[in-house]
Amino acid sequence: MRGRDEESGEFLSPSRSQNRREALEVLALGEKLVSLTEAQLAKLPVPDSLLPHIRECKRITANIAHKRQLAYLAKQMRREDDEVLEALRDALDESGDAARREVAAMHRIETWRERLLDQGDAALAELLDEYPTADRQKLRQLARSALDERKRNKPPRAYRELYRALREMLLGGAAGGADDVADERDDDALDEGQD
């Protein structure tokens, strides 16, 4: 029984219903984590103590055993600090801060790519003022090749390479491995809009 404070009349602890709602939220978060690939999990701020439980839950496919392991994962997650769970929710949430930063960076890269294609050497000079260590020759060649592809209505190979080169330069080379696959999906989606 929760009990009430004699003086103020307020409840001393959360209700059972509130505890249940919070537990179900953590369970739903655990289900999302289990549904992710290893590459996606690596991008998230998942504590090392939870990773073996997530992998074990993925390994088990029998329905009842999977549910039991998922409940155990949720129990382990409830032992973590609220800040850790909020960071995970934010990273998974498309409207979260991390997603907003990623989308903003992607838009900035796309803007530079279009400026290089539209304005040519003037945009390249401005980009090199901002990023003096950039490879002038490579960027100029990729921009010219992308324009040539566009004129000849060829597949956008150089257009994609220009995006990757700009991304590596603007984001400091943080991209690699699984990010390249995501880049290709992003580029493909952009290319469909270009046709």
Protein backbone atom coordinates (compact mmCIF):
# COMPACT_ATOMS: atom_id res chain seq x y z
CA MET A 1 0.00 0.00 0.00
CA ARG A 2 1.28 3.41 -0.96
CA GLY A 3 0.08 5.43 1.95
CA ARG A 4 -0.37 9.17 2.25
CA ASP A 5 1.52 11.89 3.95
CA GLU A 6 -0.42 12.77 7.10
CA GLU A 7 0.18 16.53 6.79
CA SER A 8 -0.11 17.26 3.06
CA GLY A 9 -2.33 14.36 1.98
CA GLU A 10 -0.01 13.59 -0.94
CA PHE A 11 0.82 10.04 -1.93
CA LEU A 12 4.26 8.87 -0.80
CA SER A 13 5.15 6.82 -3.90
CA PRO A 14 3.91 6.29 -7.44
CA SER A 15 0.76 4.24 -7.87
CA ARG A 16 0.88 0.66 -9.10
CA SER A 17 -0.67 1.83 -12.35
CA GLN A 18 2.11 4.38 -12.80
CA ASN A 19 4.76 1.76 -12.05
CA ARG A 20 3.15 -0.57 -14.59
CA ARG A 21 3.04 2.15 -17.28
CA GLU A 22 6.73 2.90 -16.74
CA ALA A 23 7.61 -0.81 -16.88
CA LEU A 24 5.68 -1.22 -20.14
CA GLU A 25 7.50 1.78 -21.63
CA VAL A 26 10.84 0.18 -20.77
CA LEU A 27 9.62 -3.12 -22.26
CA ALA A 28 8.68 -1.33 -25.50
CA LEU A 29 12.11 0.31 -25.55
CA GLY A 30 13.69 -3.11 -25.10
CA GLU A 31 11.67 -4.48 -28.04
CA LYS A 32 12.96 -1.64 -30.23
CA LEU A 33 16.54 -2.36 -29.18
CA VAL A 34 16.16 -6.08 -29.94
CA SER A 35 14.77 -5.30 -33.41
CA LEU A 36 17.88 -3.28 -34.37
CA THR A 37 20.88 -4.64 -36.23
CA GLU A 38 24.35 -4.75 -34.66
CA ALA A 39 25.42 -1.73 -36.72
CA GLN A 40 22.42 0.28 -35.52
CA LEU A 41 23.05 -0.75 -31.92
CA ALA A 42 26.67 0.38 -32.21
CA LYS A 43 25.47 3.91 -32.99
CA LEU A 44 23.31 4.08 -29.86
CA PRO A 45 24.51 4.87 -26.34
CA VAL A 46 23.66 1.37 -25.08
CA PRO A 47 25.47 0.50 -21.83
CA ASP A 48 27.86 -2.44 -22.12
CA SER A 49 25.98 -4.24 -19.36
CA LEU A 50 22.84 -4.46 -21.55
CA LEU A 51 24.46 -5.63 -24.79
CA PRO A 52 24.75 -9.33 -23.80
CA HIS A 53 21.07 -9.36 -22.76
CA ILE A 54 20.02 -7.77 -26.07
CA ARG A 55 22.07 -10.29 -28.06
CA GLU A 56 20.66 -13.19 -26.04
CA CYS A 57 17.13 -11.95 -26.67
CA LYS A 58 17.84 -11.79 -30.41
CA ARG A 59 19.23 -15.31 -30.35
CA ILE A 60 16.14 -16.86 -28.78
CA THR A 61 13.35 -17.36 -31.33
CA ALA A 62 10.85 -19.55 -29.48
CA ASN A 63 7.87 -17.33 -28.71
CA ILE A 64 7.46 -17.86 -24.95
CA ALA A 65 11.20 -18.02 -24.30
CA HIS A 66 11.69 -14.84 -26.33
CA LYS A 67 9.03 -13.02 -24.30
CA ARG A 68 10.62 -14.23 -21.08
CA GLN A 69 14.07 -13.06 -22.19
CA LEU A 70 12.60 -9.72 -23.29
CA ALA A 71 11.03 -9.29 -19.86
CA TYR A 72 14.41 -10.04 -18.28
CA LEU A 73 16.05 -7.46 -20.54
CA ALA A 74 13.43 -4.89 -19.45
CA LYS A 75 14.18 -5.75 -15.81
CA GLN A 76 17.88 -5.12 -16.41
CA MET A 77 17.06 -1.88 -18.20
CA ARG A 78 14.96 -0.64 -15.26
CA ARG A 79 18.09 -0.94 -13.10
CA GLU A 80 19.79 1.68 -15.27
CA ASP A 81 19.57 5.38 -14.52
CA ASP A 82 16.71 7.36 -16.02
CA GLU A 83 19.23 9.47 -17.96
CA VAL A 84 20.53 6.38 -19.76
CA LEU A 85 17.03 5.33 -20.80
CA GLU A 86 16.19 8.88 -21.93
CA ALA A 87 19.36 9.00 -24.02
CA LEU A 88 18.35 5.72 -25.68
CA ARG A 89 14.82 6.99 -26.34
CA ASP A 90 16.18 10.22 -27.77
CA ALA A 91 18.60 8.39 -30.04
CA LEU A 92 15.80 6.12 -31.29
CA ASP A 93 13.29 8.92 -31.64
CA GLU A 94 13.26 10.42 -35.12
CA SER A 95 12.39 13.80 -33.67
CA GLY A 96 15.14 13.59 -31.05
CA ASP A 97 18.15 15.86 -30.84
CA ALA A 98 20.55 13.32 -32.33
CA ALA A 99 18.30 12.78 -35.34
CA ARG A 100 17.88 16.53 -35.81
CA ARG A 101 21.65 17.03 -35.78
CA GLU A 102 22.12 14.21 -38.29
CA VAL A 103 19.46 15.62 -40.62
CA ALA A 104 20.95 19.12 -40.34
CA ALA A 105 24.39 17.75 -41.24
CA MET A 106 22.93 15.88 -44.20
CA HIS A 107 21.21 19.04 -45.44
CA ARG A 108 24.42 21.01 -45.10
CA ILE A 109 26.30 18.41 -47.15
CA GLU A 110 23.58 18.42 -49.81
CA THR A 111 23.66 22.22 -49.93
CA TRP A 112 27.42 22.23 -50.51
CA ARG A 113 27.08 19.56 -53.19
CA GLU A 114 24.45 21.56 -55.07
CA ARG A 115 26.46 24.77 -54.73
CA LEU A 116 29.53 23.04 -56.15
CA LEU A 117 27.48 21.82 -59.09
CA ASP A 118 25.68 25.12 -59.71
CA GLN A 119 28.37 27.70 -58.92
CA GLY A 120 31.52 25.74 -59.77
CA ASP A 121 34.87 27.25 -58.81
CA ALA A 122 33.35 30.15 -56.82
CA ALA A 123 31.65 27.71 -54.42
CA LEU A 124 34.79 25.57 -54.33
CA ALA A 125 36.89 28.59 -53.31
CA GLU A 126 34.41 29.41 -50.54
CA LEU A 127 34.42 25.79 -49.35
CA LEU A 128 38.22 25.73 -49.29
CA ASP A 129 38.27 28.97 -47.27
CA GLU A 130 36.14 27.23 -44.67
CA TYR A 131 37.99 23.87 -44.92
CA PRO A 132 41.57 24.55 -46.06
CA THR A 133 42.68 20.90 -45.76
CA ALA A 134 40.14 19.72 -48.36
CA ASP A 135 41.38 18.10 -51.55
CA ARG A 136 40.70 20.79 -54.18
CA GLN A 137 41.51 18.61 -57.16
CA LYS A 138 39.34 15.69 -56.05
CA LEU A 139 36.33 17.91 -55.28
CA ARG A 140 36.64 19.79 -58.58
CA GLN A 141 36.95 16.54 -60.55
CA LEU A 142 33.95 14.96 -58.78
CA ALA A 143 31.83 18.08 -59.38
CA ARG A 144 32.73 18.12 -63.09
CA SER A 145 32.05 14.39 -63.43
CA ALA A 146 28.69 14.78 -61.66
CA LEU A 147 27.71 17.60 -64.02
CA ASP A 148 28.77 15.49 -67.00
CA GLU A 149 26.68 12.57 -65.71
CA ARG A 150 23.70 14.85 -65.29
CA LYS A 151 24.03 16.21 -68.84
CA ARG A 152 24.41 12.75 -70.36
CA ASN A 153 21.61 11.32 -68.18
CA LYS A 154 23.98 8.64 -66.84
CA PRO A 155 23.80 6.90 -63.44
CA PRO A 156 24.88 9.29 -60.64
CA ARG A 157 28.11 7.59 -59.54
CA ALA A 158 30.21 10.78 -59.24
CA TYR A 159 27.24 12.58 -57.68
CA ARG A 160 27.27 10.00 -54.86
CA GLU A 161 31.06 10.09 -54.56
CA LEU A 162 30.92 13.88 -54.21
CA TYR A 163 28.41 13.48 -51.37
CA ARG A 164 30.69 10.97 -49.61
CA ALA A 165 33.76 13.17 -50.04
CA LEU A 166 31.90 16.19 -48.64
CA ARG A 167 30.53 14.13 -45.77
CA GLU A 168 33.96 12.86 -44.83
CA MET A 169 35.36 16.38 -44.99
CA LEU A 170 32.52 18.13 -43.11
CA LEU A 171 32.03 15.46 -40.46
CA GLY A 172 35.71 14.75 -39.92
CA GLY A 173 35.84 11.24 -41.37
CA ALA A 174 33.37 9.83 -38.84
CA ALA A 175 31.66 7.84 -41.57
CA GLY A 176 32.54 4.26 -42.26
CA GLY A 177 31.29 0.72 -42.55
CA ALA A 178 27.59 0.67 -41.79
CA ASP A 179 27.27 4.42 -42.41
CA ASP A 180 28.26 3.89 -46.05
CA VAL A 181 25.28 1.59 -46.53
CA ALA A 182 23.01 4.23 -45.02
CA ASP A 183 24.62 6.87 -47.25
CA GLU A 184 23.89 4.81 -50.33
CA ARG A 185 20.24 4.47 -49.25
CA ASP A 186 20.08 8.25 -48.67
CA ASP A 187 21.73 8.89 -52.03
CA ASP A 188 19.36 6.51 -53.79
CA ALA A 189 16.39 8.29 -52.29
CA LEU A 190 17.84 11.63 -53.40
CA ASP A 191 18.59 10.29 -56.87
CA GLU A 192 14.99 9.16 -57.33
CA GLY A 193 13.89 12.72 -56.67
CA GLN A 194 16.43 13.97 -59.21
CA ASP A 195 15.15 11.88 -62.17
